[in-house]
Amino acid sequence: MEGPSEIDPKLLEILVCPLTKGPLRYDREAQELVSEEAGLAYPIRDGIPIMLVDEARPLRDDEKPAKRLPSP
């Protein structure tokens, strides 16, 4: 059985979240592109990112980044 397929690093540089237009983080193990700003994880199927909001799953609370308090 093959391991997770790799995604082209150049593709990762140009892809953004379709909802927020913010950056995405590649989760190699889960084969997802994560938008922390939108709280969504977009699946990668057969090496192809599925950049549809309807196909994304919401991040669980333990996957969301800790919110920082504003500096005084």
PDB file of N, CA and C in Angstrom:
ATOM      1  N   MET A   1       0.848  -1.194   0.000  1.00  0.00           N
ATOM      2  CA  MET A   1       0.000   0.000   0.000  1.00  0.00           C
ATOM      3  C   MET A   1       0.881   1.241   0.000  1.00  0.00           C
ATOM      4  N   GLU A   2       0.508   2.217  -0.823  1.00  0.00           N
ATOM      5  CA  GLU A   2       1.291   3.436  -0.922  1.00  0.00           C
ATOM      6  C   GLU A   2       0.988   4.374   0.233  1.00  0.00           C
ATOM      7  N   GLY A   3       1.970   5.239   0.554  1.00  0.00           N
ATOM      8  CA  GLY A   3       1.764   6.251   1.582  1.00  0.00           C
ATOM      9  C   GLY A   3       0.983   7.410   0.986  1.00  0.00           C
ATOM     10  N   PRO A   4       0.795   8.459   1.763  1.00  0.00           N
ATOM     11  CA  PRO A   4       0.061   9.621   1.267  1.00  0.00           C
ATOM     12  C   PRO A   4       0.778  10.232   0.065  1.00  0.00           C
ATOM     13  N   SER A   5       0.024  10.677  -0.916  1.00  0.00           N
ATOM     14  CA  SER A   5       0.638  11.314  -2.077  1.00  0.00           C
ATOM     15  C   SER A   5       1.089  12.721  -1.688  1.00  0.00           C
ATOM     16  N   GLU A   6       2.157  13.137  -2.321  1.00  0.00           N
ATOM     17  CA  GLU A   6       2.695  14.469  -2.057  1.00  0.00           C
ATOM     18  C   GLU A   6       2.007  15.482  -2.973  1.00  0.00           C
ATOM     19  N   ILE A   7       1.950  16.701  -2.497  1.00  0.00           N
ATOM     20  CA  ILE A   7       1.390  17.787  -3.298  1.00  0.00           C
ATOM     21  C   ILE A   7       2.546  18.695  -3.704  1.00  0.00           C
ATOM     22  N   ASP A   8       2.491  19.212  -4.894  1.00  0.00           N
ATOM     23  CA  ASP A   8       3.553  20.056  -5.435  1.00  0.00           C
ATOM     24  C   ASP A   8       3.714  21.313  -4.576  1.00  0.00           C
ATOM     25  N   PRO A   9       4.926  21.554  -4.064  1.00  0.00           N
ATOM     26  CA  PRO A   9       5.150  22.741  -3.218  1.00  0.00           C
ATOM     27  C   PRO A   9       4.799  24.051  -3.934  1.00  0.00           C
ATOM     28  N   LYS A  10       4.997  24.118  -5.237  1.00  0.00           N
ATOM     29  CA  LYS A  10       4.660  25.348  -5.972  1.00  0.00           C
ATOM     30  C   LYS A  10       3.149  25.571  -5.980  1.00  0.00           C
ATOM     31  N   LEU A  11       2.390  24.491  -6.026  1.00  0.00           N
ATOM     32  CA  LEU A  11       0.938  24.602  -5.964  1.00  0.00           C
ATOM     33  C   LEU A  11       0.514  25.140  -4.595  1.00  0.00           C
ATOM     34  N   LEU A  12       1.166  24.656  -3.544  1.00  0.00           N
ATOM     35  CA  LEU A  12       0.852  25.125  -2.190  1.00  0.00           C
ATOM     36  C   LEU A  12       1.100  26.621  -2.036  1.00  0.00           C
ATOM     37  N   GLU A  13       2.090  27.131  -2.743  1.00  0.00           N
ATOM     38  CA  GLU A  13       2.417  28.557  -2.641  1.00  0.00           C
ATOM     39  C   GLU A  13       1.314  29.440  -3.211  1.00  0.00           C
ATOM     40  N   ILE A  14       0.589  28.946  -4.228  1.00  0.00           N
ATOM     41  CA  ILE A  14      -0.406  29.803  -4.877  1.00  0.00           C
ATOM     42  C   ILE A  14      -1.835  29.554  -4.410  1.00  0.00           C
ATOM     43  N   LEU A  15      -2.092  28.408  -3.774  1.00  0.00           N
ATOM     44  CA  LEU A  15      -3.448  28.120  -3.306  1.00  0.00           C
ATOM     45  C   LEU A  15      -3.790  28.945  -2.067  1.00  0.00           C
ATOM     46  N   VAL A  16      -5.015  29.423  -2.022  1.00  0.00           N
ATOM     47  CA  VAL A  16      -5.530  30.131  -0.851  1.00  0.00           C
ATOM     48  C   VAL A  16      -6.914  29.576  -0.540  1.00  0.00           C
ATOM     49  N   CYS A  17      -7.388  29.859   0.633  1.00  0.00           N
ATOM     50  CA  CYS A  17      -8.740  29.444   1.022  1.00  0.00           C
ATOM     51  C   CYS A  17      -9.743  30.170   0.126  1.00  0.00           C
ATOM     52  N   PRO A  18     -10.659  29.438  -0.516  1.00  0.00           N
ATOM     53  CA  PRO A  18     -11.634  30.102  -1.380  1.00  0.00           C
ATOM     54  C   PRO A  18     -12.623  30.986  -0.613  1.00  0.00           C
ATOM     55  N   LEU A  19     -12.767  30.747   0.674  1.00  0.00           N
ATOM     56  CA  LEU A  19     -13.703  31.525   1.484  1.00  0.00           C
ATOM     57  C   LEU A  19     -13.076  32.823   1.984  1.00  0.00           C
ATOM     58  N   THR A  20     -11.870  32.722   2.554  1.00  0.00           N
ATOM     59  CA  THR A  20     -11.237  33.889   3.175  1.00  0.00           C
ATOM     60  C   THR A  20     -10.113  34.494   2.346  1.00  0.00           C
ATOM     61  N   LYS A  21      -9.649  33.767   1.346  1.00  0.00           N
ATOM     62  CA  LYS A  21      -8.473  34.142   0.534  1.00  0.00           C
ATOM     63  C   LYS A  21      -7.208  34.164   1.384  1.00  0.00           C
ATOM     64  N   GLY A  22      -7.270  33.518   2.558  1.00  0.00           N
ATOM     65  CA  GLY A  22      -6.129  33.442   3.458  1.00  0.00           C
ATOM     66  C   GLY A  22      -5.243  32.239   3.165  1.00  0.00           C
ATOM     67  N   PRO A  23      -4.123  32.135   3.851  1.00  0.00           N
ATOM     68  CA  PRO A  23      -3.163  31.048   3.624  1.00  0.00           C
ATOM     69  C   PRO A  23      -3.707  29.701   4.091  1.00  0.00           C
ATOM     70  N   LEU A  24      -3.123  28.648   3.517  1.00  0.00           N
ATOM     71  CA  LEU A  24      -3.476  27.273   3.876  1.00  0.00           C
ATOM     72  C   LEU A  24      -2.253  26.564   4.423  1.00  0.00           C
ATOM     73  N   ARG A  25      -2.487  25.660   5.358  1.00  0.00           N
ATOM     74  CA  ARG A  25      -1.419  24.827   5.921  1.00  0.00           C
ATOM     75  C   ARG A  25      -1.644  23.399   5.438  1.00  0.00           C
ATOM     76  N   TYR A  26      -0.585  22.785   4.933  1.00  0.00           N
ATOM     77  CA  TYR A  26      -0.669  21.420   4.425  1.00  0.00           C
ATOM     78  C   TYR A  26      -0.504  20.432   5.574  1.00  0.00           C
ATOM     79  N   ASP A  27      -1.513  19.603   5.790  1.00  0.00           N
ATOM     80  CA  ASP A  27      -1.448  18.533   6.783  1.00  0.00           C
ATOM     81  C   ASP A  27      -1.215  17.237   6.015  1.00  0.00           C
ATOM     82  N   ARG A  28       0.046  16.826   5.943  1.00  0.00           N
ATOM     83  CA  ARG A  28       0.440  15.665   5.141  1.00  0.00           C
ATOM     84  C   ARG A  28      -0.240  14.396   5.641  1.00  0.00           C
ATOM     85  N   GLU A  29      -0.273  14.204   6.940  1.00  0.00           N
ATOM     86  CA  GLU A  29      -0.831  12.981   7.515  1.00  0.00           C
ATOM     87  C   GLU A  29      -2.324  12.836   7.210  1.00  0.00           C
ATOM     88  N   ALA A  30      -3.072  13.920   7.359  1.00  0.00           N
ATOM     89  CA  ALA A  30      -4.519  13.883   7.129  1.00  0.00           C
ATOM     90  C   ALA A  30      -4.878  14.088   5.657  1.00  0.00           C
ATOM     91  N   GLN A  31      -3.870  14.477   4.839  1.00  0.00           N
ATOM     92  CA  GLN A  31      -4.109  14.790   3.423  1.00  0.00           C
ATOM     93  C   GLN A  31      -5.200  15.851   3.285  1.00  0.00           C
ATOM     94  N   GLU A  32      -4.921  16.996   3.944  1.00  0.00           N
ATOM     95  CA  GLU A  32      -5.845  18.124   3.922  1.00  0.00           C
ATOM     96  C   GLU A  32      -5.073  19.432   3.832  1.00  0.00           C
ATOM     97  N   LEU A  33      -5.726  20.441   3.288  1.00  0.00           N
ATOM     98  CA  LEU A  33      -5.228  21.810   3.341  1.00  0.00           C
ATOM     99  C   LEU A  33      -6.100  22.544   4.346  1.00  0.00           C
ATOM    100  N   VAL A  34      -5.480  23.089   5.371  1.00  0.00           N
ATOM    101  CA  VAL A  34      -6.207  23.660   6.500  1.00  0.00           C
ATOM    102  C   VAL A  34      -6.193  25.183   6.433  1.00  0.00           C
ATOM    103  N   SER A  35      -7.389  25.755   6.507  1.00  0.00           N
ATOM    104  CA  SER A  35      -7.544  27.202   6.629  1.00  0.00           C
ATOM    105  C   SER A  35      -7.920  27.489   8.078  1.00  0.00           C
ATOM    106  N   GLU A  36      -6.945  27.940   8.849  1.00  0.00           N
ATOM    107  CA  GLU A  36      -7.217  28.226  10.262  1.00  0.00           C
ATOM    108  C   GLU A  36      -8.138  29.426  10.398  1.00  0.00           C
ATOM    109  N   GLU A  37      -8.035  30.365   9.475  1.00  0.00           N
ATOM    110  CA  GLU A  37      -8.878  31.564   9.514  1.00  0.00           C
ATOM    111  C   GLU A  37     -10.353  31.211   9.313  1.00  0.00           C
ATOM    112  N   ALA A  38     -10.631  30.294   8.371  1.00  0.00           N
ATOM    113  CA  ALA A  38     -12.014  29.884   8.099  1.00  0.00           C
ATOM    114  C   ALA A  38     -12.461  28.745   9.006  1.00  0.00           C
ATOM    115  N   GLY A  39     -11.499  28.068   9.650  1.00  0.00           N
ATOM    116  CA  GLY A  39     -11.851  26.920  10.486  1.00  0.00           C
ATOM    117  C   GLY A  39     -12.285  25.721   9.661  1.00  0.00           C
ATOM    118  N   LEU A  40     -11.680  25.580   8.449  1.00  0.00           N
ATOM    119  CA  LEU A  40     -12.045  24.497   7.550  1.00  0.00           C
ATOM    120  C   LEU A  40     -10.808  23.726   7.091  1.00  0.00           C
ATOM    121  N   ALA A  41     -11.023  22.449   6.760  1.00  0.00           N
ATOM    122  CA  ALA A  41      -9.968  21.601   6.201  1.00  0.00           C
ATOM    123  C   ALA A  41     -10.464  21.057   4.872  1.00  0.00           C
ATOM    124  N   TYR A  42      -9.742  21.392   3.809  1.00  0.00           N
ATOM    125  CA  TYR A  42     -10.090  20.954   2.466  1.00  0.00           C
ATOM    126  C   TYR A  42      -9.375  19.634   2.163  1.00  0.00           C
ATOM    127  N   PRO A  43     -10.097  18.627   1.676  1.00  0.00           N
ATOM    128  CA  PRO A  43      -9.471  17.330   1.426  1.00  0.00           C
ATOM    129  C   PRO A  43      -8.576  17.344   0.186  1.00  0.00           C
ATOM    130  N   ILE A  44      -7.592  16.446   0.201  1.00  0.00           N
ATOM    131  CA  ILE A  44      -6.767  16.201  -0.975  1.00  0.00           C
ATOM    132  C   ILE A  44      -7.053  14.760  -1.375  1.00  0.00           C
ATOM    133  N   ARG A  45      -7.574  14.575  -2.587  1.00  0.00           N
ATOM    134  CA  ARG A  45      -7.921  13.232  -3.063  1.00  0.00           C
ATOM    135  C   ARG A  45      -7.076  12.899  -4.286  1.00  0.00           C
ATOM    136  N   ASP A  46      -6.342  11.801  -4.197  1.00  0.00           N
ATOM    137  CA  ASP A  46      -5.463  11.375  -5.300  1.00  0.00           C
ATOM    138  C   ASP A  46      -4.515  12.492  -5.714  1.00  0.00           C
ATOM    139  N   GLY A  47      -4.018  13.242  -4.723  1.00  0.00           N
ATOM    140  CA  GLY A  47      -3.062  14.309  -4.988  1.00  0.00           C
ATOM    141  C   GLY A  47      -3.687  15.601  -5.489  1.00  0.00           C
ATOM    142  N   ILE A  48      -5.019  15.665  -5.545  1.00  0.00           N
ATOM    143  CA  ILE A  48      -5.710  16.850  -6.058  1.00  0.00           C
ATOM    144  C   ILE A  48      -6.463  17.534  -4.919  1.00  0.00           C
ATOM    145  N   PRO A  49      -6.118  18.807  -4.619  1.00  0.00           N
ATOM    146  CA  PRO A  49      -6.851  19.537  -3.583  1.00  0.00           C
ATOM    147  C   PRO A  49      -8.280  19.820  -4.046  1.00  0.00           C
ATOM    148  N   ILE A  50      -9.243  19.527  -3.198  1.00  0.00           N
ATOM    149  CA  ILE A  50     -10.646  19.805  -3.491  1.00  0.00           C
ATOM    150  C   ILE A  50     -11.000  21.110  -2.775  1.00  0.00           C
ATOM    151  N   MET A  51     -10.937  22.196  -3.534  1.00  0.00           N
ATOM    152  CA  MET A  51     -11.064  23.526  -2.950  1.00  0.00           C
ATOM    153  C   MET A  51     -12.505  24.035  -3.010  1.00  0.00           C
ATOM    154  N   LEU A  52     -13.424  23.220  -2.553  1.00  0.00           N
ATOM    155  CA  LEU A  52     -14.835  23.584  -2.498  1.00  0.00           C
ATOM    156  C   LEU A  52     -15.267  23.667  -1.044  1.00  0.00           C
ATOM    157  N   VAL A  53     -15.866  24.772  -0.662  1.00  0.00           N
ATOM    158  CA  VAL A  53     -16.312  24.961   0.717  1.00  0.00           C
ATOM    159  C   VAL A  53     -17.268  23.836   1.122  1.00  0.00           C
ATOM    160  N   ASP A  54     -18.119  23.406   0.192  1.00  0.00           N
ATOM    161  CA  ASP A  54     -19.079  22.331   0.491  1.00  0.00           C
ATOM    162  C   ASP A  54     -18.402  20.989   0.777  1.00  0.00           C
ATOM    163  N   GLU A  55     -17.176  20.802   0.293  1.00  0.00           N
ATOM    164  CA  GLU A  55     -16.446  19.555   0.511  1.00  0.00           C
ATOM    165  C   GLU A  55     -15.536  19.623   1.749  1.00  0.00           C
ATOM    166  N   ALA A  56     -15.325  20.823   2.273  1.00  0.00           N
ATOM    167  CA  ALA A  56     -14.436  21.001   3.427  1.00  0.00           C
ATOM    168  C   ALA A  56     -15.139  20.557   4.700  1.00  0.00           C
ATOM    169  N   ARG A  57     -14.331  20.130   5.667  1.00  0.00           N
ATOM    170  CA  ARG A  57     -14.903  19.771   6.963  1.00  0.00           C
ATOM    171  C   ARG A  57     -14.521  20.852   7.976  1.00  0.00           C
ATOM    172  N   PRO A  58     -15.412  21.112   8.924  1.00  0.00           N
ATOM    173  CA  PRO A  58     -15.076  22.086   9.977  1.00  0.00           C
ATOM    174  C   PRO A  58     -13.978  21.524  10.883  1.00  0.00           C
ATOM    175  N   LEU A  59     -13.085  22.387  11.313  1.00  0.00           N
ATOM    176  CA  LEU A  59     -12.044  21.972  12.259  1.00  0.00           C
ATOM    177  C   LEU A  59     -12.666  21.715  13.626  1.00  0.00           C
ATOM    178  N   ARG A  60     -12.154  20.701  14.297  1.00  0.00           N
ATOM    179  CA  ARG A  60     -12.562  20.447  15.685  1.00  0.00           C
ATOM    180  C   ARG A  60     -11.909  21.511  16.567  1.00  0.00           C
ATOM    181  N   ASP A  61     -12.464  21.702  17.753  1.00  0.00           N
ATOM    182  CA  ASP A  61     -11.919  22.708  18.676  1.00  0.00           C
ATOM    183  C   ASP A  61     -10.443  22.478  18.971  1.00  0.00           C
ATOM    184  N   ASP A  62     -10.030  21.200  19.084  1.00  0.00           N
ATOM    185  CA  ASP A  62      -8.629  20.919  19.407  1.00  0.00           C
ATOM    186  C   ASP A  62      -7.704  21.132  18.203  1.00  0.00           C
ATOM    187  N   GLU A  63      -8.253  21.368  17.012  1.00  0.00           N
ATOM    188  CA  GLU A  63      -7.448  21.637  15.823  1.00  0.00           C
ATOM    189  C   GLU A  63      -7.296  23.134  15.553  1.00  0.00           C
ATOM    190  N   LYS A  64      -8.131  23.925  16.173  1.00  0.00           N
ATOM    191  CA  LYS A  64      -8.098  25.368  15.946  1.00  0.00           C
ATOM    192  C   LYS A  64      -6.945  25.985  16.732  1.00  0.00           C
ATOM    193  N   PRO A  65      -6.306  27.017  16.147  1.00  0.00           N
ATOM    194  CA  PRO A  65      -5.216  27.665  16.877  1.00  0.00           C
ATOM    195  C   PRO A  65      -5.753  28.407  18.091  1.00  0.00           C
ATOM    196  N   ALA A  66      -4.920  28.485  19.107  1.00  0.00           N
ATOM    197  CA  ALA A  66      -5.318  29.225  20.317  1.00  0.00           C
ATOM    198  C   ALA A  66      -5.451  30.697  19.965  1.00  0.00           C
ATOM    199  N   LYS A  67      -6.504  31.312  20.459  1.00  0.00           N
ATOM    200  CA  LYS A  67      -6.699  32.733  20.194  1.00  0.00           C
ATOM    201  C   LYS A  67      -5.770  33.543  21.077  1.00  0.00           C
ATOM    202  N   ARG A  68      -5.124  34.508  20.467  1.00  0.00           N
ATOM    203  CA  ARG A  68      -4.217  35.374  21.222  1.00  0.00           C
ATOM    204  C   ARG A  68      -4.984  36.581  21.733  1.00  0.00           C
ATOM    205  N   LEU A  69      -4.645  36.968  22.926  1.00  0.00           N
ATOM    206  CA  LEU A  69      -5.247  38.171  23.498  1.00  0.00           C
ATOM    207  C   LEU A  69      -4.563  39.387  22.902  1.00  0.00           C
ATOM    208  N   PRO A  70      -5.309  40.457  22.643  1.00  0.00           N
ATOM    209  CA  PRO A  70      -4.664  41.665  22.097  1.00  0.00           C
ATOM    210  C   PRO A  70      -3.677  42.261  23.094  1.00  0.00           C
ATOM    211  N   SER A  71      -2.600  42.817  22.575  1.00  0.00           N
ATOM    212  CA  SER A  71      -1.621  43.447  23.461  1.00  0.00           C
ATOM    213  C   SER A  71      -2.152  44.781  23.950  1.00  0.00           C
ATOM    214  N   PRO A  72      -1.823  45.121  25.174  1.00  0.00           N
ATOM    215  CA  PRO A  72      -2.309  46.402  25.724  1.00  0.00           C
ATOM    216  C   PRO A  72      -1.632  47.579  25.089  1.00  0.00           C
TER     217      PRO A  72
END
